[in-house]
Amino acid sequence: MAEQAAPRPDVTDMFAVHGVFRDTLGAATSLVGGVAAGDTERLALVAHYYENVLSFLEADHDAEEKLVFPLLRERCPAEGALLDRLEAEHEEALKLTANAARALAAWPGGDTSAQSEDAGSRGALREQLEPHLDAAEAEGLALCADNMSLEEWGARPGHGMAAFQGHKIWLILGLIGRRMNDAQRAAMLEHMPPPAIEMWTGFGEQAFNDLATQVVVDVRTTVPA
């Protein structure tokens, strides 16, 4: 009897992750620019929202660089040029993320020019990130599906949560989950550590739903039906 091939991961969950970056960064102009002068409550809400988004971007890239790229380099030596390009784009994105974080920190104590710079820094990040995400989806995900195991692919969420430096991990879980189908949401929960599952089911999901009514972001369908 022929040996059965090992099951391969469903890598389309990354469309949901990438959708978070596309949509939240794309909404920066309206969200940041829409905060009225003197509205400190709204300013804090939007600023904290983007602090968590930027931290998530860093954590996601960290997971790819430590868990994904090394395996692909080992198993796909002919794809070195593609991996070099993706990693170089990561480095550029992280520089722009740092710029965006500095602009974000300056905005609460600044004026309208600081507010405009903050929105612009995130626009620059999205402009750089968009072609990178396109390339990762068109070329990188197929390599992951063909050359990584279910366990290896499933290790990313836990790694990303451990690397996350924001204060609202439930915000990130909610943003991703809204872009996933039912099977992908179940798989995401399956690979989360028990304390994180308790946090999400205990209060995180409700906290996200409450915040989602205050911070409106265009949620597009980014996962194939």
C-alpha atoms as a PDB file:
ATOM      1  CA  MET A   1       0.000   0.000   0.000  1.00  0.00           C
ATOM      2  CA  ALA A   2       1.375   3.362  -0.963  1.00  0.00           C
ATOM      3  CA  GLU A   3       2.320   5.607   1.939  1.00  0.00           C
ATOM      4  CA  GLN A   4      -0.308   8.279   2.475  1.00  0.00           C
ATOM      5  CA  ALA A   5       0.943  11.831   2.161  1.00  0.00           C
ATOM      6  CA  ALA A   6       0.971  13.883   5.352  1.00  0.00           C
ATOM      7  CA  PRO A   7      -1.914  16.371   5.557  1.00  0.00           C
ATOM      8  CA  ARG A   8      -1.023  19.924   4.615  1.00  0.00           C
ATOM      9  CA  PRO A   9      -2.176  23.074   6.362  1.00  0.00           C
ATOM     10  CA  ASP A  10      -4.925  25.397   5.200  1.00  0.00           C
ATOM     11  CA  VAL A  11      -2.840  28.513   4.618  1.00  0.00           C
ATOM     12  CA  THR A  12      -5.788  30.641   3.508  1.00  0.00           C
ATOM     13  CA  ASP A  13      -6.135  31.869   7.095  1.00  0.00           C
ATOM     14  CA  MET A  14      -3.399  34.340   6.151  1.00  0.00           C
ATOM     15  CA  PHE A  15      -5.869  36.169   3.931  1.00  0.00           C
ATOM     16  CA  ALA A  16      -7.678  37.159   7.115  1.00  0.00           C
ATOM     17  CA  VAL A  17      -4.460  38.343   8.785  1.00  0.00           C
ATOM     18  CA  HIS A  18      -3.456  40.336   5.740  1.00  0.00           C
ATOM     19  CA  GLY A  19      -6.964  41.741   5.550  1.00  0.00           C
ATOM     20  CA  VAL A  20      -6.491  43.239   9.017  1.00  0.00           C
ATOM     21  CA  PHE A  21      -3.427  45.141   7.804  1.00  0.00           C
ATOM     22  CA  ARG A  22      -5.007  46.277   4.552  1.00  0.00           C
ATOM     23  CA  ASP A  23      -8.226  47.484   6.133  1.00  0.00           C
ATOM     24  CA  THR A  24      -6.965  49.076   9.330  1.00  0.00           C
ATOM     25  CA  LEU A  25      -4.062  50.884   7.670  1.00  0.00           C
ATOM     26  CA  GLY A  26      -6.315  51.889   4.806  1.00  0.00           C
ATOM     27  CA  ALA A  27      -8.736  53.437   7.292  1.00  0.00           C
ATOM     28  CA  ALA A  28      -6.036  55.536   8.995  1.00  0.00           C
ATOM     29  CA  THR A  29      -6.739  58.671   6.975  1.00  0.00           C
ATOM     30  CA  SER A  30     -10.399  58.731   7.980  1.00  0.00           C
ATOM     31  CA  LEU A  31      -9.982  57.431  11.539  1.00  0.00           C
ATOM     32  CA  VAL A  32      -7.045  59.632  12.521  1.00  0.00           C
ATOM     33  CA  GLY A  33      -8.063  62.579  10.383  1.00  0.00           C
ATOM     34  CA  GLY A  34     -11.599  62.387  11.717  1.00  0.00           C
ATOM     35  CA  VAL A  35     -10.632  63.080  15.333  1.00  0.00           C
ATOM     36  CA  ALA A  36     -11.757  66.605  16.148  1.00  0.00           C
ATOM     37  CA  ALA A  37      -9.376  69.009  17.866  1.00  0.00           C
ATOM     38  CA  GLY A  38      -9.765  68.736  21.629  1.00  0.00           C
ATOM     39  CA  ASP A  39     -11.602  65.403  21.540  1.00  0.00           C
ATOM     40  CA  THR A  40      -9.196  63.661  23.912  1.00  0.00           C
ATOM     41  CA  GLU A  41     -11.463  60.670  24.463  1.00  0.00           C
ATOM     42  CA  ARG A  42     -11.701  59.872  20.756  1.00  0.00           C
ATOM     43  CA  LEU A  43      -8.002  60.571  20.294  1.00  0.00           C
ATOM     44  CA  ALA A  44      -7.072  58.044  22.989  1.00  0.00           C
ATOM     45  CA  LEU A  45      -9.442  55.462  21.524  1.00  0.00           C
ATOM     46  CA  VAL A  46      -8.007  55.707  18.011  1.00  0.00           C
ATOM     47  CA  ALA A  47      -4.400  55.963  19.228  1.00  0.00           C
ATOM     48  CA  HIS A  48      -4.681  52.830  21.375  1.00  0.00           C
ATOM     49  CA  TYR A  49      -6.381  51.032  18.496  1.00  0.00           C
ATOM     50  CA  TYR A  50      -3.434  51.663  16.208  1.00  0.00           C
ATOM     51  CA  GLU A  51      -0.850  50.923  18.887  1.00  0.00           C
ATOM     52  CA  ASN A  52      -2.230  47.396  18.947  1.00  0.00           C
ATOM     53  CA  VAL A  53      -2.400  47.096  15.153  1.00  0.00           C
ATOM     54  CA  LEU A  54       1.240  48.131  14.774  1.00  0.00           C
ATOM     55  CA  SER A  55       2.308  45.732  17.513  1.00  0.00           C
ATOM     56  CA  PHE A  56       0.427  42.946  15.757  1.00  0.00           C
ATOM     57  CA  LEU A  57       2.236  43.679  12.495  1.00  0.00           C
ATOM     58  CA  GLU A  58       5.575  43.351  14.277  1.00  0.00           C
ATOM     59  CA  ALA A  59       4.502  40.110  15.980  1.00  0.00           C
ATOM     60  CA  ASP A  60       3.231  38.610  12.726  1.00  0.00           C
ATOM     61  CA  HIS A  61       6.481  39.389  10.944  1.00  0.00           C
ATOM     62  CA  ASP A  62       8.444  37.957  13.863  1.00  0.00           C
ATOM     63  CA  ALA A  63       6.528  34.671  13.574  1.00  0.00           C
ATOM     64  CA  GLU A  64       7.252  34.446   9.856  1.00  0.00           C
ATOM     65  CA  GLU A  65      10.936  35.237  10.281  1.00  0.00           C
ATOM     66  CA  LYS A  66      11.475  32.737  13.085  1.00  0.00           C
ATOM     67  CA  LEU A  67       9.063  29.920  12.212  1.00  0.00           C
ATOM     68  CA  VAL A  68       8.375  30.102   8.486  1.00  0.00           C
ATOM     69  CA  PHE A  69      11.314  31.510   6.548  1.00  0.00           C
ATOM     70  CA  PRO A  70      13.981  29.225   8.088  1.00  0.00           C
ATOM     71  CA  LEU A  71      11.959  26.114   7.223  1.00  0.00           C
ATOM     72  CA  LEU A  72      11.306  27.278   3.687  1.00  0.00           C
ATOM     73  CA  ARG A  73      14.987  28.102   3.131  1.00  0.00           C
ATOM     74  CA  GLU A  74      15.905  24.599   4.273  1.00  0.00           C
ATOM     75  CA  ARG A  75      13.248  22.805   2.246  1.00  0.00           C
ATOM     76  CA  CYS A  76      13.011  25.057  -0.823  1.00  0.00           C
ATOM     77  CA  PRO A  77      16.606  26.010  -1.717  1.00  0.00           C
ATOM     78  CA  ALA A  78      15.567  26.976  -5.248  1.00  0.00           C
ATOM     79  CA  GLU A  79      13.316  29.724  -3.836  1.00  0.00           C
ATOM     80  CA  GLY A  80      16.127  31.673  -2.192  1.00  0.00           C
ATOM     81  CA  ALA A  81      15.570  34.773  -4.329  1.00  0.00           C
ATOM     82  CA  LEU A  82      11.887  34.951  -3.404  1.00  0.00           C
ATOM     83  CA  LEU A  83      12.634  34.517   0.296  1.00  0.00           C
ATOM     84  CA  ASP A  84      15.383  37.137   0.126  1.00  0.00           C
ATOM     85  CA  ARG A  85      12.890  39.578  -1.391  1.00  0.00           C
ATOM     86  CA  LEU A  86      10.181  38.845   1.161  1.00  0.00           C
ATOM     87  CA  GLU A  87      12.616  39.263   4.047  1.00  0.00           C
ATOM     88  CA  ALA A  88      13.963  42.523   2.621  1.00  0.00           C
ATOM     89  CA  GLU A  89      10.391  43.789   2.366  1.00  0.00           C
ATOM     90  CA  HIS A  90       9.884  42.814   5.996  1.00  0.00           C
ATOM     91  CA  GLU A  91      12.854  44.941   7.000  1.00  0.00           C
ATOM     92  CA  GLU A  92      11.494  47.940   5.119  1.00  0.00           C
ATOM     93  CA  ALA A  93       8.029  47.442   6.604  1.00  0.00           C
ATOM     94  CA  LEU A  94       9.469  47.317  10.113  1.00  0.00           C
ATOM     95  CA  LYS A  95      11.280  50.615   9.533  1.00  0.00           C
ATOM     96  CA  LEU A  96       8.033  52.210   8.391  1.00  0.00           C
ATOM     97  CA  THR A  97       6.249  50.618  11.351  1.00  0.00           C
ATOM     98  CA  ALA A  98       8.762  52.261  13.688  1.00  0.00           C
ATOM     99  CA  ASN A  99       8.159  55.606  11.955  1.00  0.00           C
ATOM    100  CA  ALA A 100       4.421  55.139  12.356  1.00  0.00           C
ATOM    101  CA  ALA A 101       4.843  54.277  16.049  1.00  0.00           C
ATOM    102  CA  ARG A 102       6.889  57.448  16.641  1.00  0.00           C
ATOM    103  CA  ALA A 103       4.293  59.574  14.839  1.00  0.00           C
ATOM    104  CA  LEU A 104       1.543  57.912  16.845  1.00  0.00           C
ATOM    105  CA  ALA A 105       3.319  58.667  20.120  1.00  0.00           C
ATOM    106  CA  ALA A 106       3.762  62.326  19.146  1.00  0.00           C
ATOM    107  CA  TRP A 107       0.175  62.898  18.049  1.00  0.00           C
ATOM    108  CA  PRO A 108      -1.571  63.055  21.471  1.00  0.00           C
ATOM    109  CA  GLY A 109       0.689  65.889  22.576  1.00  0.00           C
ATOM    110  CA  GLY A 110       0.826  67.661  19.232  1.00  0.00           C
ATOM    111  CA  ASP A 111      -1.370  69.730  16.981  1.00  0.00           C
ATOM    112  CA  THR A 112      -3.108  69.217  13.673  1.00  0.00           C
ATOM    113  CA  SER A 113       0.222  68.886  11.863  1.00  0.00           C
ATOM    114  CA  ALA A 114       1.175  65.989  14.168  1.00  0.00           C
ATOM    115  CA  GLN A 115      -2.212  64.431  13.504  1.00  0.00           C
ATOM    116  CA  SER A 116      -1.682  64.705   9.758  1.00  0.00           C
ATOM    117  CA  GLU A 117       1.826  63.248  10.016  1.00  0.00           C
ATOM    118  CA  ASP A 118       0.456  60.338  12.017  1.00  0.00           C
ATOM    119  CA  ALA A 119      -2.137  59.485   9.373  1.00  0.00           C
ATOM    120  CA  GLY A 120       0.453  59.918   6.621  1.00  0.00           C
ATOM    121  CA  SER A 121       2.958  57.595   8.270  1.00  0.00           C
ATOM    122  CA  ARG A 122       0.418  54.809   8.270  1.00  0.00           C
ATOM    123  CA  GLY A 123      -0.492  55.545   4.692  1.00  0.00           C
ATOM    124  CA  ALA A 124       3.179  55.137   3.737  1.00  0.00           C
ATOM    125  CA  LEU A 125       3.296  51.831   5.608  1.00  0.00           C
ATOM    126  CA  ARG A 126       0.227  50.522   3.805  1.00  0.00           C
ATOM    127  CA  GLU A 127       1.614  51.599   0.424  1.00  0.00           C
ATOM    128  CA  GLN A 128       4.797  49.622   1.074  1.00  0.00           C
ATOM    129  CA  LEU A 129       3.015  46.672   2.636  1.00  0.00           C
ATOM    130  CA  GLU A 130       0.370  46.138  -0.045  1.00  0.00           C
ATOM    131  CA  PRO A 131       2.656  44.692  -2.783  1.00  0.00           C
ATOM    132  CA  HIS A 132       4.448  42.614  -0.144  1.00  0.00           C
ATOM    133  CA  LEU A 133       1.176  41.052   0.982  1.00  0.00           C
ATOM    134  CA  ASP A 134       0.211  40.441  -2.645  1.00  0.00           C
ATOM    135  CA  ALA A 135       3.501  38.626  -3.291  1.00  0.00           C
ATOM    136  CA  ALA A 136       3.233  36.596  -0.107  1.00  0.00           C
ATOM    137  CA  GLU A 137      -0.263  35.462  -1.090  1.00  0.00           C
ATOM    138  CA  ALA A 138       0.562  34.778  -4.725  1.00  0.00           C
ATOM    139  CA  GLU A 139       3.918  33.069  -4.206  1.00  0.00           C
ATOM    140  CA  GLY A 140       4.762  32.457  -0.569  1.00  0.00           C
ATOM    141  CA  LEU A 141       1.628  30.709   0.676  1.00  0.00           C
ATOM    142  CA  ALA A 142       1.897  27.915  -1.862  1.00  0.00           C
ATOM    143  CA  LEU A 143       5.394  27.126  -0.575  1.00  0.00           C
ATOM    144  CA  CYS A 144       4.053  27.011   2.974  1.00  0.00           C
ATOM    145  CA  ALA A 145       1.181  24.715   2.013  1.00  0.00           C
ATOM    146  CA  ASP A 146       3.505  22.296   0.186  1.00  0.00           C
ATOM    147  CA  ASN A 147       6.417  22.300   2.618  1.00  0.00           C
ATOM    148  CA  MET A 148       5.114  22.846   6.158  1.00  0.00           C
ATOM    149  CA  SER A 149       3.221  20.461   8.412  1.00  0.00           C
ATOM    150  CA  LEU A 150      -0.052  21.174  10.165  1.00  0.00           C
ATOM    151  CA  GLU A 151       1.818  21.516  13.452  1.00  0.00           C
ATOM    152  CA  GLU A 152       4.440  23.865  12.029  1.00  0.00           C
ATOM    153  CA  TRP A 153       1.862  26.148  10.461  1.00  0.00           C
ATOM    154  CA  GLY A 154      -0.324  25.950  13.554  1.00  0.00           C
ATOM    155  CA  ALA A 155       2.529  27.187  15.771  1.00  0.00           C
ATOM    156  CA  ARG A 156       2.280  30.717  14.358  1.00  0.00           C
ATOM    157  CA  PRO A 157      -0.686  32.015  16.404  1.00  0.00           C
ATOM    158  CA  GLY A 158       0.881  31.060  19.724  1.00  0.00           C
ATOM    159  CA  HIS A 159       4.214  32.562  18.731  1.00  0.00           C
ATOM    160  CA  GLY A 160       2.534  35.724  17.547  1.00  0.00           C
ATOM    161  CA  MET A 161       0.596  36.099  20.797  1.00  0.00           C
ATOM    162  CA  ALA A 162       3.779  35.658  22.817  1.00  0.00           C
ATOM    163  CA  ALA A 163       5.568  38.308  20.734  1.00  0.00           C
ATOM    164  CA  PHE A 164       2.646  40.752  20.840  1.00  0.00           C
ATOM    165  CA  GLN A 165       3.498  43.870  22.852  1.00  0.00           C
ATOM    166  CA  GLY A 166       0.125  45.601  22.704  1.00  0.00           C
ATOM    167  CA  HIS A 167      -2.463  45.778  25.465  1.00  0.00           C
ATOM    168  CA  LYS A 168      -5.517  44.441  23.635  1.00  0.00           C
ATOM    169  CA  ILE A 169      -4.820  41.002  22.198  1.00  0.00           C
ATOM    170  CA  TRP A 170      -8.594  40.480  22.093  1.00  0.00           C
ATOM    171  CA  LEU A 171      -8.788  43.323  19.563  1.00  0.00           C
ATOM    172  CA  ILE A 172      -6.441  41.463  17.234  1.00  0.00           C
ATOM    173  CA  LEU A 173      -8.272  38.163  17.677  1.00  0.00           C
ATOM    174  CA  GLY A 174     -11.539  39.891  16.872  1.00  0.00           C
ATOM    175  CA  LEU A 175     -10.204  41.666  13.808  1.00  0.00           C
ATOM    176  CA  ILE A 176      -8.809  38.410  12.437  1.00  0.00           C
ATOM    177  CA  GLY A 177     -11.845  36.342  13.368  1.00  0.00           C
ATOM    178  CA  ARG A 178     -14.254  38.650  11.538  1.00  0.00           C
ATOM    179  CA  ARG A 179     -12.381  37.885   8.332  1.00  0.00           C
ATOM    180  CA  MET A 180     -12.322  34.101   8.792  1.00  0.00           C
ATOM    181  CA  ASN A 181     -14.799  31.388   8.003  1.00  0.00           C
ATOM    182  CA  ASP A 182     -16.123  29.120  10.775  1.00  0.00           C
ATOM    183  CA  ALA A 183     -13.534  26.381  10.224  1.00  0.00           C
ATOM    184  CA  GLN A 184     -10.659  28.847  10.333  1.00  0.00           C
ATOM    185  CA  ARG A 185     -11.951  30.476  13.513  1.00  0.00           C
ATOM    186  CA  ALA A 186     -12.185  27.041  15.146  1.00  0.00           C
ATOM    187  CA  ALA A 187      -8.631  26.198  14.056  1.00  0.00           C
ATOM    188  CA  MET A 188      -7.333  29.507  15.403  1.00  0.00           C
ATOM    189  CA  LEU A 189      -8.881  28.824  18.814  1.00  0.00           C
ATOM    190  CA  GLU A 190      -7.543  25.255  18.759  1.00  0.00           C
ATOM    191  CA  HIS A 191      -3.967  26.510  18.470  1.00  0.00           C
ATOM    192  CA  MET A 192      -4.283  29.192  21.143  1.00  0.00           C
ATOM    193  CA  PRO A 193      -2.969  28.457  24.672  1.00  0.00           C
ATOM    194  CA  PRO A 194      -5.710  27.724  27.263  1.00  0.00           C
ATOM    195  CA  PRO A 195      -5.344  31.082  29.097  1.00  0.00           C
ATOM    196  CA  ALA A 196      -5.876  32.921  25.814  1.00  0.00           C
ATOM    197  CA  ILE A 197      -8.994  30.886  25.061  1.00  0.00           C
ATOM    198  CA  GLU A 198     -10.353  31.652  28.516  1.00  0.00           C
ATOM    199  CA  MET A 199      -9.612  35.338  28.009  1.00  0.00           C
ATOM    200  CA  TRP A 200     -11.401  35.399  24.646  1.00  0.00           C
ATOM    201  CA  THR A 201     -14.476  33.463  25.738  1.00  0.00           C
ATOM    202  CA  GLY A 202     -14.591  35.137  29.157  1.00  0.00           C
ATOM    203  CA  PHE A 203     -14.504  38.786  28.148  1.00  0.00           C
ATOM    204  CA  GLY A 204     -12.431  39.333  25.013  1.00  0.00           C
ATOM    205  CA  GLU A 205     -15.114  38.676  22.427  1.00  0.00           C
ATOM    206  CA  GLN A 206     -17.558  41.028  24.131  1.00  0.00           C
ATOM    207  CA  ALA A 207     -14.860  43.687  24.583  1.00  0.00           C
ATOM    208  CA  PHE A 208     -14.079  43.493  20.889  1.00  0.00           C
ATOM    209  CA  ASN A 209     -17.720  43.795  19.901  1.00  0.00           C
ATOM    210  CA  ASP A 210     -18.080  46.836  22.141  1.00  0.00           C
ATOM    211  CA  LEU A 211     -15.005  48.504  20.665  1.00  0.00           C
ATOM    212  CA  ALA A 212     -16.081  47.667  17.117  1.00  0.00           C
ATOM    213  CA  THR A 213     -19.145  49.857  17.609  1.00  0.00           C
ATOM    214  CA  GLN A 214     -16.864  52.809  18.441  1.00  0.00           C
ATOM    215  CA  VAL A 215     -14.068  52.354  15.893  1.00  0.00           C
ATOM    216  CA  VAL A 216     -15.547  51.722  12.471  1.00  0.00           C
ATOM    217  CA  VAL A 217     -13.229  49.977  10.010  1.00  0.00           C
ATOM    218  CA  ASP A 218     -14.178  48.713   6.588  1.00  0.00           C
ATOM    219  CA  VAL A 219     -14.394  44.924   6.908  1.00  0.00           C
ATOM    220  CA  ARG A 220     -14.086  43.294   3.525  1.00  0.00           C
ATOM    221  CA  THR A 221     -14.411  39.626   2.652  1.00  0.00           C
ATOM    222  CA  THR A 222     -10.783  38.544   2.368  1.00  0.00           C
ATOM    223  CA  VAL A 223     -11.186  34.768   2.734  1.00  0.00           C
ATOM    224  CA  PRO A 224     -12.405  32.692  -0.193  1.00  0.00           C
ATOM    225  CA  ALA A 225     -15.861  31.225   0.403  1.00  0.00           C
END
